[in-house]
């Protein structure tokens, strides 16, 4: 009787008019000494049982968010011709990477209410970060964080970079820089109509160090004392080798 009741309830649920089916050209990235960045193809389709409405048109938004890392944002002022720190805010965790790619201007294809609900835009994504002790207006520091990350090329908004064919098939490429933070990069794909989200799908790109880089990284995390001693020994050995090379060249 309970199973029949559950089946009836499931049959009564509304079927989504459009549903995302998507894929990634690669879901795992290995970082080694030769890694200088990579591009990942994100592709998919909007599956539907009926003919799509003529209006409003289907739009696609794709976001890629890197793992959160702590950062300190400092305020500098010029005093007597010298730049000095006048305040600082510790951000407990902000995305190390955040890219937004769309089929059109973000403000035209996503409403403010939906942006607030899903934290799609860069200001909304970093607006929810955890702040430590505040010195001044937190909004100013978050705006500064956005400017700094944008200047570094790790926070990007790229309108008209998602190709949408026949109101169904879509594709884009996300470029991941060489200085990636190890961890999981969350990919979100939104279908919108008239500024409203009609479907959302999430997937993950796993970024991990490989080879000697991973060994050194794990040692620094798990055995910091041993890592420090080995670093000093390697620095001393490198200094001795350079000194010996110069001595031999002078002979």
C-alpha atoms as a PDB file:
ATOM      1  CA  UNK A   1       0.000   0.000   0.000  1.00  0.00           C
ATOM      2  CA  UNK A   2       2.830   2.416   0.873  1.00  0.00           C
ATOM      3  CA  UNK A   3       4.611   1.659  -2.417  1.00  0.00           C
ATOM      4  CA  UNK A   4       1.446   2.359  -4.388  1.00  0.00           C
ATOM      5  CA  UNK A   5       1.036   5.659  -2.528  1.00  0.00           C
ATOM      6  CA  UNK A   6       4.618   6.697  -3.300  1.00  0.00           C
ATOM      7  CA  UNK A   7       4.146   5.790  -6.981  1.00  0.00           C
ATOM      8  CA  UNK A   8       0.991   7.892  -7.202  1.00  0.00           C
ATOM      9  CA  UNK A   9       2.771  10.854  -5.611  1.00  0.00           C
ATOM     10  CA  UNK A  10       5.698  10.546  -8.029  1.00  0.00           C
ATOM     11  CA  UNK A  11       3.347  10.423 -11.011  1.00  0.00           C
ATOM     12  CA  UNK A  12       1.665  13.577  -9.752  1.00  0.00           C
ATOM     13  CA  UNK A  13       4.932  15.522  -9.711  1.00  0.00           C
ATOM     14  CA  UNK A  14       5.321  17.957 -12.625  1.00  0.00           C
ATOM     15  CA  UNK A  15       7.754  16.961 -15.355  1.00  0.00           C
ATOM     16  CA  UNK A  16      10.389  19.566 -16.100  1.00  0.00           C
ATOM     17  CA  UNK A  17       9.829  21.159 -19.495  1.00  0.00           C
ATOM     18  CA  UNK A  18      13.560  21.264 -20.210  1.00  0.00           C
ATOM     19  CA  UNK A  19      16.377  19.280 -18.700  1.00  0.00           C
ATOM     20  CA  UNK A  20      20.165  19.550 -19.078  1.00  0.00           C
ATOM     21  CA  UNK A  21      22.284  16.704 -20.422  1.00  0.00           C
ATOM     22  CA  UNK A  22      25.952  17.710 -20.404  1.00  0.00           C
ATOM     23  CA  UNK A  23      29.546  16.535 -20.389  1.00  0.00           C
ATOM     24  CA  UNK A  24      33.166  17.646 -19.957  1.00  0.00           C
ATOM     25  CA  UNK A  25      36.111  16.988 -22.266  1.00  0.00           C
ATOM     26  CA  UNK A  26      38.019  16.041 -19.111  1.00  0.00           C
ATOM     27  CA  UNK A  27      36.992  15.818 -15.477  1.00  0.00           C
ATOM     28  CA  UNK A  28      40.486  15.459 -13.999  1.00  0.00           C
ATOM     29  CA  UNK A  29      43.510  17.772 -14.327  1.00  0.00           C
ATOM     30  CA  UNK A  30      46.990  16.755 -13.180  1.00  0.00           C
ATOM     31  CA  UNK A  31      49.486  19.471 -12.213  1.00  0.00           C
ATOM     32  CA  UNK A  32      53.164  18.719 -12.715  1.00  0.00           C
ATOM     33  CA  UNK A  33      56.308  20.695 -13.557  1.00  0.00           C
ATOM     34  CA  UNK A  34      55.283  21.020 -17.218  1.00  0.00           C
ATOM     35  CA  UNK A  35      51.729  22.206 -16.555  1.00  0.00           C
ATOM     36  CA  UNK A  36      51.089  25.663 -18.049  1.00  0.00           C
ATOM     37  CA  UNK A  37      47.306  25.782 -17.953  1.00  0.00           C
ATOM     38  CA  UNK A  38      44.609  23.972 -19.895  1.00  0.00           C
ATOM     39  CA  UNK A  39      41.225  24.448 -21.564  1.00  0.00           C
ATOM     40  CA  UNK A  40      38.242  22.237 -20.855  1.00  0.00           C
ATOM     41  CA  UNK A  41      35.303  21.881 -23.222  1.00  0.00           C
ATOM     42  CA  UNK A  42      31.882  22.026 -21.569  1.00  0.00           C
ATOM     43  CA  UNK A  43      29.055  20.860 -23.815  1.00  0.00           C
ATOM     44  CA  UNK A  44      25.496  19.630 -23.624  1.00  0.00           C
ATOM     45  CA  UNK A  45      21.892  19.937 -24.730  1.00  0.00           C
ATOM     46  CA  UNK A  46      18.521  20.991 -23.410  1.00  0.00           C
ATOM     47  CA  UNK A  47      16.335  17.905 -23.618  1.00  0.00           C
ATOM     48  CA  UNK A  48      12.588  18.399 -23.934  1.00  0.00           C
ATOM     49  CA  UNK A  49       9.517  16.352 -24.792  1.00  0.00           C
ATOM     50  CA  UNK A  50       7.677  19.127 -26.582  1.00  0.00           C
ATOM     51  CA  UNK A  51       8.571  21.894 -29.012  1.00  0.00           C
ATOM     52  CA  UNK A  52      10.218  24.805 -27.156  1.00  0.00           C
ATOM     53  CA  UNK A  53       8.295  28.055 -26.783  1.00  0.00           C
ATOM     54  CA  UNK A  54       9.065  30.732 -29.368  1.00  0.00           C
ATOM     55  CA  UNK A  55       9.522  33.325 -26.598  1.00  0.00           C
ATOM     56  CA  UNK A  56      11.303  33.968 -24.326  1.00  0.00           C
ATOM     57  CA  UNK A  57      14.378  32.408 -25.872  1.00  0.00           C
ATOM     58  CA  UNK A  58      16.451  29.821 -24.055  1.00  0.00           C
ATOM     59  CA  UNK A  59      19.719  31.114 -22.555  1.00  0.00           C
ATOM     60  CA  UNK A  60      22.664  29.273 -20.988  1.00  0.00           C
ATOM     61  CA  UNK A  61      24.935  30.349 -18.122  1.00  0.00           C
ATOM     62  CA  UNK A  62      27.955  28.291 -17.064  1.00  0.00           C
ATOM     63  CA  UNK A  63      30.015  28.990 -13.954  1.00  0.00           C
ATOM     64  CA  UNK A  64      33.237  27.345 -12.768  1.00  0.00           C
ATOM     65  CA  UNK A  65      34.292  27.916  -9.146  1.00  0.00           C
ATOM     66  CA  UNK A  66      37.619  26.856  -7.671  1.00  0.00           C
ATOM     67  CA  UNK A  67      38.177  25.749  -4.055  1.00  0.00           C
ATOM     68  CA  UNK A  68      38.024  28.457  -1.393  1.00  0.00           C
ATOM     69  CA  UNK A  69      41.281  29.841   0.012  1.00  0.00           C
ATOM     70  CA  UNK A  70      41.943  32.383   2.806  1.00  0.00           C
ATOM     71  CA  UNK A  71      43.122  35.839   1.798  1.00  0.00           C
ATOM     72  CA  UNK A  72      43.846  39.158   3.517  1.00  0.00           C
ATOM     73  CA  UNK A  73      42.659  42.309   1.726  1.00  0.00           C
ATOM     74  CA  UNK A  74      44.520  45.434   2.813  1.00  0.00           C
ATOM     75  CA  UNK A  75      43.654  49.084   2.391  1.00  0.00           C
ATOM     76  CA  UNK A  76      46.547  51.378   1.510  1.00  0.00           C
ATOM     77  CA  UNK A  77      46.755  55.155   1.731  1.00  0.00           C
ATOM     78  CA  UNK A  78      49.431  57.600   0.688  1.00  0.00           C
ATOM     79  CA  UNK A  79      50.868  59.369   3.745  1.00  0.00           C
ATOM     80  CA  UNK A  80      53.699  61.881   3.282  1.00  0.00           C
ATOM     81  CA  UNK A  81      54.484  60.380  -0.106  1.00  0.00           C
ATOM     82  CA  UNK A  82      54.651  56.818   1.245  1.00  0.00           C
ATOM     83  CA  UNK A  83      52.019  54.091   0.778  1.00  0.00           C
ATOM     84  CA  UNK A  84      51.095  52.538   4.143  1.00  0.00           C
ATOM     85  CA  UNK A  85      48.523  49.972   5.260  1.00  0.00           C
ATOM     86  CA  UNK A  86      45.540  51.665   6.916  1.00  0.00           C
ATOM     87  CA  UNK A  87      43.287  48.669   7.456  1.00  0.00           C
ATOM     88  CA  UNK A  88      42.803  45.009   6.597  1.00  0.00           C
ATOM     89  CA  UNK A  89      40.099  42.369   6.444  1.00  0.00           C
ATOM     90  CA  UNK A  90      40.801  38.646   6.665  1.00  0.00           C
ATOM     91  CA  UNK A  91      38.610  36.633   4.300  1.00  0.00           C
ATOM     92  CA  UNK A  92      38.284  33.127   5.699  1.00  0.00           C
ATOM     93  CA  UNK A  93      37.551  31.644   2.305  1.00  0.00           C
ATOM     94  CA  UNK A  94      37.071  33.089  -1.178  1.00  0.00           C
ATOM     95  CA  UNK A  95      36.986  31.175  -4.471  1.00  0.00           C
ATOM     96  CA  UNK A  96      40.507  30.799  -5.851  1.00  0.00           C
ATOM     97  CA  UNK A  97      38.984  30.880  -9.343  1.00  0.00           C
ATOM     98  CA  UNK A  98      35.591  31.954 -10.642  1.00  0.00           C
ATOM     99  CA  UNK A  99      34.474  32.226 -14.250  1.00  0.00           C
ATOM    100  CA  UNK A 100      31.032  33.073 -15.622  1.00  0.00           C
ATOM    101  CA  UNK A 101      30.312  32.303 -19.300  1.00  0.00           C
ATOM    102  CA  UNK A 102      26.989  33.129 -20.938  1.00  0.00           C
ATOM    103  CA  UNK A 103      25.063  33.255 -24.211  1.00  0.00           C
ATOM    104  CA  UNK A 104      24.389  36.977 -23.677  1.00  0.00           C
ATOM    105  CA  UNK A 105      24.752  39.876 -21.222  1.00  0.00           C
ATOM    106  CA  UNK A 106      24.223  38.415 -17.753  1.00  0.00           C
ATOM    107  CA  UNK A 107      21.902  41.216 -16.625  1.00  0.00           C
ATOM    108  CA  UNK A 108      19.632  40.491 -19.622  1.00  0.00           C
ATOM    109  CA  UNK A 109      19.295  36.736 -19.162  1.00  0.00           C
ATOM    110  CA  UNK A 110      19.209  36.383 -15.362  1.00  0.00           C
ATOM    111  CA  UNK A 111      16.952  38.315 -13.006  1.00  0.00           C
ATOM    112  CA  UNK A 112      18.240  39.922  -9.823  1.00  0.00           C
ATOM    113  CA  UNK A 113      16.051  37.607  -7.735  1.00  0.00           C
ATOM    114  CA  UNK A 114      17.474  34.489  -9.397  1.00  0.00           C
ATOM    115  CA  UNK A 115      21.001  35.824  -9.021  1.00  0.00           C
ATOM    116  CA  UNK A 116      20.386  36.305  -5.310  1.00  0.00           C
ATOM    117  CA  UNK A 117      18.992  32.780  -5.066  1.00  0.00           C
ATOM    118  CA  UNK A 118      21.790  30.970  -6.921  1.00  0.00           C
ATOM    119  CA  UNK A 119      24.789  33.365  -6.438  1.00  0.00           C
ATOM    120  CA  UNK A 120      25.711  33.354 -10.120  1.00  0.00           C
ATOM    121  CA  UNK A 121      27.396  36.730 -10.708  1.00  0.00           C
ATOM    122  CA  UNK A 122      30.833  37.475  -9.286  1.00  0.00           C
ATOM    123  CA  UNK A 123      29.557  40.055  -6.719  1.00  0.00           C
ATOM    124  CA  UNK A 124      26.925  37.596  -5.484  1.00  0.00           C
ATOM    125  CA  UNK A 125      29.409  34.710  -5.322  1.00  0.00           C
ATOM    126  CA  UNK A 126      31.968  36.595  -3.247  1.00  0.00           C
ATOM    127  CA  UNK A 127      29.291  38.501  -1.314  1.00  0.00           C
ATOM    128  CA  UNK A 128      28.710  35.406   0.782  1.00  0.00           C
ATOM    129  CA  UNK A 129      32.324  34.853   1.816  1.00  0.00           C
ATOM    130  CA  UNK A 130      33.171  34.690   5.497  1.00  0.00           C
ATOM    131  CA  UNK A 131      34.908  37.775   6.842  1.00  0.00           C
ATOM    132  CA  UNK A 132      37.172  37.895   9.869  1.00  0.00           C
ATOM    133  CA  UNK A 133      37.825  41.023  11.923  1.00  0.00           C
ATOM    134  CA  UNK A 134      36.626  44.074  10.013  1.00  0.00           C
ATOM    135  CA  UNK A 135      38.380  47.409   9.718  1.00  0.00           C
ATOM    136  CA  UNK A 136      36.066  49.721   7.827  1.00  0.00           C
ATOM    137  CA  UNK A 137      33.342  48.855   5.328  1.00  0.00           C
ATOM    138  CA  UNK A 138      33.261  45.160   4.386  1.00  0.00           C
ATOM    139  CA  UNK A 139      31.608  46.090   1.068  1.00  0.00           C
ATOM    140  CA  UNK A 140      34.674  48.147   0.108  1.00  0.00           C
ATOM    141  CA  UNK A 141      37.002  45.242   0.862  1.00  0.00           C
ATOM    142  CA  UNK A 142      34.860  42.785  -1.104  1.00  0.00           C
ATOM    143  CA  UNK A 143      34.854  45.189  -4.064  1.00  0.00           C
ATOM    144  CA  UNK A 144      38.644  45.427  -3.747  1.00  0.00           C
ATOM    145  CA  UNK A 145      38.898  41.629  -3.642  1.00  0.00           C
ATOM    146  CA  UNK A 146      36.910  41.431  -6.862  1.00  0.00           C
ATOM    147  CA  UNK A 147      39.132  44.038  -8.561  1.00  0.00           C
ATOM    148  CA  UNK A 148      42.325  42.262  -7.451  1.00  0.00           C
ATOM    149  CA  UNK A 149      41.163  38.842  -8.599  1.00  0.00           C
ATOM    150  CA  UNK A 150      39.881  40.273 -11.895  1.00  0.00           C
ATOM    151  CA  UNK A 151      43.251  41.951 -12.517  1.00  0.00           C
ATOM    152  CA  UNK A 152      44.941  38.584 -11.855  1.00  0.00           C
ATOM    153  CA  UNK A 153      42.656  36.978 -14.441  1.00  0.00           C
ATOM    154  CA  UNK A 154      41.099  34.461 -12.039  1.00  0.00           C
ATOM    155  CA  UNK A 155      37.682  36.168 -11.738  1.00  0.00           C
ATOM    156  CA  UNK A 156      36.174  36.551 -15.207  1.00  0.00           C
ATOM    157  CA  UNK A 157      32.810  37.399 -16.734  1.00  0.00           C
ATOM    158  CA  UNK A 158      32.643  36.339 -20.383  1.00  0.00           C
ATOM    159  CA  UNK A 159      29.331  37.146 -22.100  1.00  0.00           C
ATOM    160  CA  UNK A 160      28.566  35.691 -25.539  1.00  0.00           C
ATOM    161  CA  UNK A 161      31.106  32.890 -25.107  1.00  0.00           C
ATOM    162  CA  UNK A 162      28.577  30.049 -24.873  1.00  0.00           C
ATOM    163  CA  UNK A 163      27.522  28.898 -28.337  1.00  0.00           C
ATOM    164  CA  UNK A 164      23.861  27.852 -28.476  1.00  0.00           C
ATOM    165  CA  UNK A 165      22.553  26.063 -31.584  1.00  0.00           C
ATOM    166  CA  UNK A 166      18.886  25.542 -32.469  1.00  0.00           C
ATOM    167  CA  UNK A 167      17.838  26.524 -28.945  1.00  0.00           C
ATOM    168  CA  UNK A 168      19.160  23.178 -27.769  1.00  0.00           C
ATOM    169  CA  UNK A 169      22.852  22.350 -28.221  1.00  0.00           C
ATOM    170  CA  UNK A 170      25.454  24.410 -26.345  1.00  0.00           C
ATOM    171  CA  UNK A 171      29.219  24.452 -25.895  1.00  0.00           C
ATOM    172  CA  UNK A 172      31.984  26.617 -24.440  1.00  0.00           C
ATOM    173  CA  UNK A 173      35.560  26.338 -23.235  1.00  0.00           C
ATOM    174  CA  UNK A 174      36.884  27.389 -19.845  1.00  0.00           C
ATOM    175  CA  UNK A 175      40.562  28.277 -19.605  1.00  0.00           C
ATOM    176  CA  UNK A 176      42.251  27.179 -16.392  1.00  0.00           C
ATOM    177  CA  UNK A 177      45.491  29.100 -15.592  1.00  0.00           C
ATOM    178  CA  UNK A 178      48.842  27.553 -14.712  1.00  0.00           C
ATOM    179  CA  UNK A 179      48.679  28.631 -11.041  1.00  0.00           C
ATOM    180  CA  UNK A 180      45.711  26.437 -10.157  1.00  0.00           C
ATOM    181  CA  UNK A 181      44.843  25.673  -6.545  1.00  0.00           C
ATOM    182  CA  UNK A 182      44.527  21.964  -5.906  1.00  0.00           C
ATOM    183  CA  UNK A 183      40.982  20.807  -5.189  1.00  0.00           C
ATOM    184  CA  UNK A 184      37.548  20.373  -6.737  1.00  0.00           C
ATOM    185  CA  UNK A 185      36.283  22.935  -9.270  1.00  0.00           C
ATOM    186  CA  UNK A 186      32.491  23.068  -9.281  1.00  0.00           C
ATOM    187  CA  UNK A 187      30.824  23.471 -12.677  1.00  0.00           C
ATOM    188  CA  UNK A 188      27.244  24.768 -12.760  1.00  0.00           C
ATOM    189  CA  UNK A 189      25.102  24.926 -15.898  1.00  0.00           C
ATOM    190  CA  UNK A 190      21.925  27.030 -15.830  1.00  0.00           C
ATOM    191  CA  UNK A 191      19.126  27.090 -18.397  1.00  0.00           C
ATOM    192  CA  UNK A 192      17.110  30.305 -18.192  1.00  0.00           C
ATOM    193  CA  UNK A 193      14.056  31.775 -19.909  1.00  0.00           C
ATOM    194  CA  UNK A 194      12.928  35.311 -19.328  1.00  0.00           C
ATOM    195  CA  UNK A 195      15.514  35.698 -16.567  1.00  0.00           C
ATOM    196  CA  UNK A 196      14.239  32.683 -14.612  1.00  0.00           C
ATOM    197  CA  UNK A 197      16.215  29.465 -14.054  1.00  0.00           C
ATOM    198  CA  UNK A 198      14.390  26.489 -15.565  1.00  0.00           C
ATOM    199  CA  UNK A 199      17.049  23.857 -14.845  1.00  0.00           C
ATOM    200  CA  UNK A 200      20.415  23.523 -13.132  1.00  0.00           C
ATOM    201  CA  UNK A 201      23.073  20.827 -13.318  1.00  0.00           C
ATOM    202  CA  UNK A 202      26.321  20.538 -11.361  1.00  0.00           C
ATOM    203  CA  UNK A 203      29.511  18.571 -11.995  1.00  0.00           C
ATOM    204  CA  UNK A 204      33.101  18.624 -10.726  1.00  0.00           C
ATOM    205  CA  UNK A 205      36.556  18.981 -12.269  1.00  0.00           C
ATOM    206  CA  UNK A 206      39.162  17.408  -9.990  1.00  0.00           C
ATOM    207  CA  UNK A 207      42.519  19.238  -9.968  1.00  0.00           C
ATOM    208  CA  UNK A 208      45.378  17.409  -8.270  1.00  0.00           C
ATOM    209  CA  UNK A 209      49.164  17.705  -8.163  1.00  0.00           C
ATOM    210  CA  UNK A 210      51.097  14.820  -9.684  1.00  0.00           C
ATOM    211  CA  UNK A 211      54.595  13.366  -9.467  1.00  0.00           C
ATOM    212  CA  UNK A 212      57.278  15.156  -7.435  1.00  0.00           C
ATOM    213  CA  UNK A 213      55.067  18.227  -7.011  1.00  0.00           C
ATOM    214  CA  UNK A 214      52.432  16.162  -5.211  1.00  0.00           C
ATOM    215  CA  UNK A 215      55.072  14.506  -3.011  1.00  0.00           C
ATOM    216  CA  UNK A 216      56.477  17.878  -1.932  1.00  0.00           C
ATOM    217  CA  UNK A 217      52.996  19.327  -1.434  1.00  0.00           C
ATOM    218  CA  UNK A 218      51.892  16.456   0.790  1.00  0.00           C
ATOM    219  CA  UNK A 219      55.136  16.626   2.743  1.00  0.00           C
ATOM    220  CA  UNK A 220      54.666  20.369   3.349  1.00  0.00           C
ATOM    221  CA  UNK A 221      51.128  19.683   4.605  1.00  0.00           C
ATOM    222  CA  UNK A 222      51.704  16.520   6.635  1.00  0.00           C
ATOM    223  CA  UNK A 223      55.360  16.875   7.752  1.00  0.00           C
ATOM    224  CA  UNK A 224      56.199  20.600   7.785  1.00  0.00           C
ATOM    225  CA  UNK A 225      59.304  20.155   9.970  1.00  0.00           C
ATOM    226  CA  UNK A 226      60.859  17.575   7.631  1.00  0.00           C
ATOM    227  CA  UNK A 227      59.885  19.705   4.625  1.00  0.00           C
ATOM    228  CA  UNK A 228      61.591  22.741   6.180  1.00  0.00           C
ATOM    229  CA  UNK A 229      64.790  20.817   6.937  1.00  0.00           C
ATOM    230  CA  UNK A 230      64.939  19.391   3.406  1.00  0.00           C
ATOM    231  CA  UNK A 231      64.320  22.846   1.930  1.00  0.00           C
ATOM    232  CA  UNK A 232      67.239  24.273   3.911  1.00  0.00           C
ATOM    233  CA  UNK A 233      69.494  21.399   2.853  1.00  0.00           C
ATOM    234  CA  UNK A 234      68.537  21.832  -0.804  1.00  0.00           C
ATOM    235  CA  UNK A 235      69.130  25.607  -0.609  1.00  0.00           C
ATOM    236  CA  UNK A 236      72.540  25.044   0.999  1.00  0.00           C
ATOM    237  CA  UNK A 237      73.444  22.428  -1.629  1.00  0.00           C
ATOM    238  CA  UNK A 238      72.357  24.751  -4.454  1.00  0.00           C
ATOM    239  CA  UNK A 239      74.427  27.604  -2.963  1.00  0.00           C
ATOM    240  CA  UNK A 240      77.483  25.371  -2.600  1.00  0.00           C
ATOM    241  CA  UNK A 241      77.123  24.076  -6.175  1.00  0.00           C
ATOM    242  CA  UNK A 242      76.849  27.629  -7.563  1.00  0.00           C
ATOM    243  CA  UNK A 243      79.857  28.758  -5.538  1.00  0.00           C
ATOM    244  CA  UNK A 244      81.893  25.777  -6.705  1.00  0.00           C
ATOM    245  CA  UNK A 245      80.948  26.385 -10.321  1.00  0.00           C
ATOM    246  CA  UNK A 246      82.046  30.034 -10.174  1.00  0.00           C
ATOM    247  CA  UNK A 247      85.300  29.025  -8.441  1.00  0.00           C
ATOM    248  CA  UNK A 248      86.130  26.567 -11.191  1.00  0.00           C
ATOM    249  CA  UNK A 249      85.316  29.134 -13.894  1.00  0.00           C
ATOM    250  CA  UNK A 250      87.831  31.566 -12.375  1.00  0.00           C
ATOM    251  CA  UNK A 251      90.617  28.963 -12.437  1.00  0.00           C
END
